[in-house]
Amino acid sequence: MYKAKTPGSCLLSVDRLASHFCSVATSDLEKIRAFYFWVCNNIRTNVKKFPKFNADSVAKHICDILEPKDYEISAKSTISFKIRSLKSKNVMVGVPGEESYGSRMDKLGDLKADGECVFFGTIKMPGPGKTVYISGSAAPPNVFWSRLYEYVTK
């Protein structure tokens, strides 16, 4: 009925994923069911549980970190970020936060665009042992599992 096994190539863009779901649907209701079925079976807070969904390969098609290149950063430091975004209209830096309706990101700051798809800004890092995430609108902003890249404070 629905395509439970999604080829990895379909996960590289929303258009490919939508085409994959709609290829067997005979009505709008069937399309919605296909999306719902896939989301319920594949989306979790920890995408590492699902090796067929490679967040890194998707992220590389979305943005490129220009600085900092080191993914371990000093706690309580001020870091300048510079990111070339290929798809996102905004970029956010945050840390995981818990709310009653699921994991979210507590925003540390927004990065400003320079008009050339490059986002930049200076962010004050949290204490040691925190994981800092960068998220963008290509993956829904402010959602913990949509992170594009992550940094660890030391």
C-alpha atoms as a PDB file:
ATOM      1  CA  MET A   1       0.000   0.000   0.000  1.00  0.00           C
ATOM      2  CA  TYR A   2       2.574   2.646   1.131  1.00  0.00           C
ATOM      3  CA  LYS A   3       6.254   2.624   0.438  1.00  0.00           C
ATOM      4  CA  ALA A   4       7.677   1.850   3.875  1.00  0.00           C
ATOM      5  CA  LYS A   5      11.246   1.514   2.601  1.00  0.00           C
ATOM      6  CA  THR A   6      12.448   4.838   1.245  1.00  0.00           C
ATOM      7  CA  PRO A   7      15.574   4.815  -0.939  1.00  0.00           C
ATOM      8  CA  GLY A   8      18.382   6.994   0.415  1.00  0.00           C
ATOM      9  CA  SER A   9      18.391   9.078  -2.770  1.00  0.00           C
ATOM     10  CA  CYS A  10      14.860  10.245  -1.937  1.00  0.00           C
ATOM     11  CA  LEU A  11      16.074  11.775   1.342  1.00  0.00           C
ATOM     12  CA  LEU A  12      18.335  14.319  -0.351  1.00  0.00           C
ATOM     13  CA  SER A  13      15.497  16.704  -1.215  1.00  0.00           C
ATOM     14  CA  VAL A  14      11.902  17.306  -0.241  1.00  0.00           C
ATOM     15  CA  ASP A  15      10.910  17.183  -3.924  1.00  0.00           C
ATOM     16  CA  ARG A  16      12.332  13.676  -4.340  1.00  0.00           C
ATOM     17  CA  LEU A  17      10.709  12.499  -1.120  1.00  0.00           C
ATOM     18  CA  ALA A  18       7.327  13.923  -2.188  1.00  0.00           C
ATOM     19  CA  SER A  19       7.601  12.306  -5.632  1.00  0.00           C
ATOM     20  CA  HIS A  20       8.437   9.003  -3.985  1.00  0.00           C
ATOM     21  CA  PHE A  21       5.355   9.175  -1.738  1.00  0.00           C
ATOM     22  CA  CYS A  22       2.985  10.337  -4.466  1.00  0.00           C
ATOM     23  CA  SER A  23       4.060   7.804  -7.086  1.00  0.00           C
ATOM     24  CA  VAL A  24       1.627   5.171  -5.784  1.00  0.00           C
ATOM     25  CA  ALA A  25      -1.097   7.405  -4.325  1.00  0.00           C
ATOM     26  CA  THR A  26      -4.424   7.504  -6.138  1.00  0.00           C
ATOM     27  CA  SER A  27      -5.951  10.425  -4.207  1.00  0.00           C
ATOM     28  CA  ASP A  28      -4.977  13.345  -1.984  1.00  0.00           C
ATOM     29  CA  LEU A  29      -6.014  11.313   1.051  1.00  0.00           C
ATOM     30  CA  GLU A  30      -3.645   8.512   0.026  1.00  0.00           C
ATOM     31  CA  LYS A  31      -0.810  11.058  -0.373  1.00  0.00           C
ATOM     32  CA  ILE A  32      -1.430  12.383   3.143  1.00  0.00           C
ATOM     33  CA  ARG A  33      -1.504   8.838   4.513  1.00  0.00           C
ATOM     34  CA  ALA A  34       1.796   8.055   2.795  1.00  0.00           C
ATOM     35  CA  PHE A  35       3.481  11.121   4.344  1.00  0.00           C
ATOM     36  CA  TYR A  36       1.998  10.384   7.768  1.00  0.00           C
ATOM     37  CA  PHE A  37       3.052   6.727   7.617  1.00  0.00           C
ATOM     38  CA  TRP A  38       6.633   7.656   6.703  1.00  0.00           C
ATOM     39  CA  VAL A  39       6.939  10.380   9.370  1.00  0.00           C
ATOM     40  CA  CYS A  40       5.573   8.068  12.087  1.00  0.00           C
ATOM     41  CA  ASN A  41       8.032   5.342  11.153  1.00  0.00           C
ATOM     42  CA  ASN A  42      11.148   7.403  10.424  1.00  0.00           C
ATOM     43  CA  ILE A  43      11.246  10.626  12.428  1.00  0.00           C
ATOM     44  CA  ARG A  44      12.625  10.458  15.940  1.00  0.00           C
ATOM     45  CA  THR A  45      14.508  12.944  18.107  1.00  0.00           C
ATOM     46  CA  ASN A  46      17.697  10.930  17.619  1.00  0.00           C
ATOM     47  CA  VAL A  47      18.226  10.409  13.881  1.00  0.00           C
ATOM     48  CA  LYS A  48      21.290   8.237  14.587  1.00  0.00           C
ATOM     49  CA  LYS A  49      18.872   5.374  15.316  1.00  0.00           C
ATOM     50  CA  PHE A  50      18.003   5.327  11.618  1.00  0.00           C
ATOM     51  CA  PRO A  51      21.109   4.705   9.503  1.00  0.00           C
ATOM     52  CA  LYS A  52      19.107   4.996   6.273  1.00  0.00           C
ATOM     53  CA  PHE A  53      18.596   8.698   7.097  1.00  0.00           C
ATOM     54  CA  ASN A  54      22.005  10.300   6.913  1.00  0.00           C
ATOM     55  CA  ALA A  55      21.654  13.797   8.387  1.00  0.00           C
ATOM     56  CA  ASP A  56      25.222  14.708   7.400  1.00  0.00           C
ATOM     57  CA  SER A  57      24.649  13.991   3.713  1.00  0.00           C
ATOM     58  CA  VAL A  58      21.498  16.118   3.754  1.00  0.00           C
ATOM     59  CA  ALA A  59      23.252  18.922   5.665  1.00  0.00           C
ATOM     60  CA  LYS A  60      26.077  19.103   3.112  1.00  0.00           C
ATOM     61  CA  HIS A  61      23.495  19.987   0.472  1.00  0.00           C
ATOM     62  CA  ILE A  62      22.084  22.730   2.698  1.00  0.00           C
ATOM     63  CA  CYS A  63      25.002  24.692   4.128  1.00  0.00           C
ATOM     64  CA  ASP A  64      28.765  24.910   4.414  1.00  0.00           C
ATOM     65  CA  ILE A  65      30.475  26.004   7.649  1.00  0.00           C
ATOM     66  CA  LEU A  66      33.106  28.612   6.795  1.00  0.00           C
ATOM     67  CA  GLU A  67      34.084  29.257  10.440  1.00  0.00           C
ATOM     68  CA  PRO A  68      34.701  27.927  13.018  1.00  0.00           C
ATOM     69  CA  LYS A  69      36.043  24.726  11.499  1.00  0.00           C
ATOM     70  CA  ASP A  70      36.797  23.116  14.871  1.00  0.00           C
ATOM     71  CA  TYR A  71      33.662  21.423  16.220  1.00  0.00           C
ATOM     72  CA  GLU A  72      34.997  21.455  19.812  1.00  0.00           C
ATOM     73  CA  ILE A  73      34.844  25.002  21.148  1.00  0.00           C
ATOM     74  CA  SER A  74      35.729  26.592  24.475  1.00  0.00           C
ATOM     75  CA  ALA A  75      32.911  27.047  26.967  1.00  0.00           C
ATOM     76  CA  LYS A  76      31.917  30.617  27.859  1.00  0.00           C
ATOM     77  CA  SER A  77      33.821  31.898  24.836  1.00  0.00           C
ATOM     78  CA  THR A  78      32.546  34.236  22.149  1.00  0.00           C
ATOM     79  CA  ILE A  79      32.605  32.560  18.749  1.00  0.00           C
ATOM     80  CA  SER A  80      32.184  34.152  15.331  1.00  0.00           C
ATOM     81  CA  PHE A  81      30.137  31.990  12.990  1.00  0.00           C
ATOM     82  CA  LYS A  82      30.184  32.264   9.221  1.00  0.00           C
ATOM     83  CA  ILE A  83      28.023  29.875   7.196  1.00  0.00           C
ATOM     84  CA  ARG A  84      27.288  29.690   3.485  1.00  0.00           C
ATOM     85  CA  SER A  85      23.695  28.557   3.185  1.00  0.00           C
ATOM     86  CA  LEU A  86      22.584  26.941  -0.057  1.00  0.00           C
ATOM     87  CA  LYS A  87      18.901  26.513   0.814  1.00  0.00           C
ATOM     88  CA  SER A  88      18.088  28.149   4.162  1.00  0.00           C
ATOM     89  CA  LYS A  89      16.574  31.601   4.416  1.00  0.00           C
ATOM     90  CA  ASN A  90      17.682  31.925   8.036  1.00  0.00           C
ATOM     91  CA  VAL A  91      20.151  30.222  10.326  1.00  0.00           C
ATOM     92  CA  MET A  92      19.945  29.849  14.102  1.00  0.00           C
ATOM     93  CA  VAL A  93      22.407  28.735  16.779  1.00  0.00           C
ATOM     94  CA  GLY A  94      21.040  27.105  19.940  1.00  0.00           C
ATOM     95  CA  VAL A  95      21.245  24.426  22.618  1.00  0.00           C
ATOM     96  CA  PRO A  96      18.757  21.602  23.277  1.00  0.00           C
ATOM     97  CA  GLY A  97      15.866  22.540  25.526  1.00  0.00           C
ATOM     98  CA  GLU A  98      12.954  20.463  26.767  1.00  0.00           C
ATOM     99  CA  GLU A  99       9.338  21.544  26.533  1.00  0.00           C
ATOM    100  CA  SER A 100       6.176  19.571  27.197  1.00  0.00           C
ATOM    101  CA  TYR A 101       5.610  18.945  23.487  1.00  0.00           C
ATOM    102  CA  GLY A 102       9.071  17.688  22.634  1.00  0.00           C
ATOM    103  CA  SER A 103      12.697  18.598  22.248  1.00  0.00           C
ATOM    104  CA  ARG A 104      13.356  22.120  20.997  1.00  0.00           C
ATOM    105  CA  MET A 105      16.296  24.477  20.717  1.00  0.00           C
ATOM    106  CA  ASP A 106      16.854  27.362  23.119  1.00  0.00           C
ATOM    107  CA  LYS A 107      18.156  30.054  20.819  1.00  0.00           C
ATOM    108  CA  LEU A 108      21.606  31.513  21.483  1.00  0.00           C
ATOM    109  CA  GLY A 109      21.245  33.910  18.566  1.00  0.00           C
ATOM    110  CA  ASP A 110      20.416  34.459  14.932  1.00  0.00           C
ATOM    111  CA  LEU A 111      23.044  34.894  12.272  1.00  0.00           C
ATOM    112  CA  LYS A 112      22.590  37.833   9.892  1.00  0.00           C
ATOM    113  CA  ALA A 113      22.728  37.439   6.116  1.00  0.00           C
ATOM    114  CA  ASP A 114      25.131  39.478   4.004  1.00  0.00           C
ATOM    115  CA  GLY A 115      23.046  39.143   0.830  1.00  0.00           C
ATOM    116  CA  GLU A 116      25.310  36.509  -0.745  1.00  0.00           C
ATOM    117  CA  CYS A 117      23.848  33.458   1.038  1.00  0.00           C
ATOM    118  CA  VAL A 118      26.449  33.857   3.798  1.00  0.00           C
ATOM    119  CA  PHE A 119      25.245  34.184   7.388  1.00  0.00           C
ATOM    120  CA  PHE A 120      27.492  35.618  10.091  1.00  0.00           C
ATOM    121  CA  GLY A 121      27.362  36.626  13.732  1.00  0.00           C
ATOM    122  CA  THR A 122      29.022  36.379  17.124  1.00  0.00           C
ATOM    123  CA  ILE A 123      27.504  34.061  19.741  1.00  0.00           C
ATOM    124  CA  LYS A 124      28.380  33.650  23.455  1.00  0.00           C
ATOM    125  CA  MET A 125      28.840  29.930  24.109  1.00  0.00           C
ATOM    126  CA  PRO A 126      27.225  28.180  27.117  1.00  0.00           C
ATOM    127  CA  GLY A 127      29.081  26.323  29.884  1.00  0.00           C
ATOM    128  CA  PRO A 128      31.251  23.213  29.405  1.00  0.00           C
ATOM    129  CA  GLY A 129      29.754  19.956  28.189  1.00  0.00           C
ATOM    130  CA  LYS A 130      26.921  21.581  26.231  1.00  0.00           C
ATOM    131  CA  THR A 131      26.135  20.699  22.647  1.00  0.00           C
ATOM    132  CA  VAL A 132      25.461  23.689  20.412  1.00  0.00           C
ATOM    133  CA  TYR A 133      23.439  23.177  17.234  1.00  0.00           C
ATOM    134  CA  ILE A 134      23.080  25.151  14.043  1.00  0.00           C
ATOM    135  CA  SER A 135      19.685  24.906  12.392  1.00  0.00           C
ATOM    136  CA  GLY A 136      18.129  26.496   9.334  1.00  0.00           C
ATOM    137  CA  SER A 137      14.806  26.843   7.552  1.00  0.00           C
ATOM    138  CA  ALA A 138      15.611  24.062   5.068  1.00  0.00           C
ATOM    139  CA  ALA A 139      15.088  21.858   8.091  1.00  0.00           C
ATOM    140  CA  PRO A 140      12.370  23.488  10.247  1.00  0.00           C
ATOM    141  CA  PRO A 141      14.000  26.120  12.446  1.00  0.00           C
ATOM    142  CA  ASN A 142      13.894  25.731  16.221  1.00  0.00           C
ATOM    143  CA  VAL A 143      13.417  21.965  16.032  1.00  0.00           C
ATOM    144  CA  PHE A 144      16.083  19.932  17.834  1.00  0.00           C
ATOM    145  CA  TRP A 145      16.166  17.004  15.386  1.00  0.00           C
ATOM    146  CA  SER A 146      16.505  19.316  12.399  1.00  0.00           C
ATOM    147  CA  ARG A 147      20.018  20.360  13.351  1.00  0.00           C
ATOM    148  CA  LEU A 148      22.431  20.818  10.499  1.00  0.00           C
ATOM    149  CA  TYR A 149      25.700  20.811  12.430  1.00  0.00           C
ATOM    150  CA  GLU A 150      26.694  20.445  16.057  1.00  0.00           C
ATOM    151  CA  TYR A 151      29.513  21.745  18.255  1.00  0.00           C
ATOM    152  CA  VAL A 152      30.596  20.553  21.719  1.00  0.00           C
ATOM    153  CA  THR A 153      31.783  23.013  24.376  1.00  0.00           C
ATOM    154  CA  LYS A 154      34.880  21.988  26.346  1.00  0.00           C
END
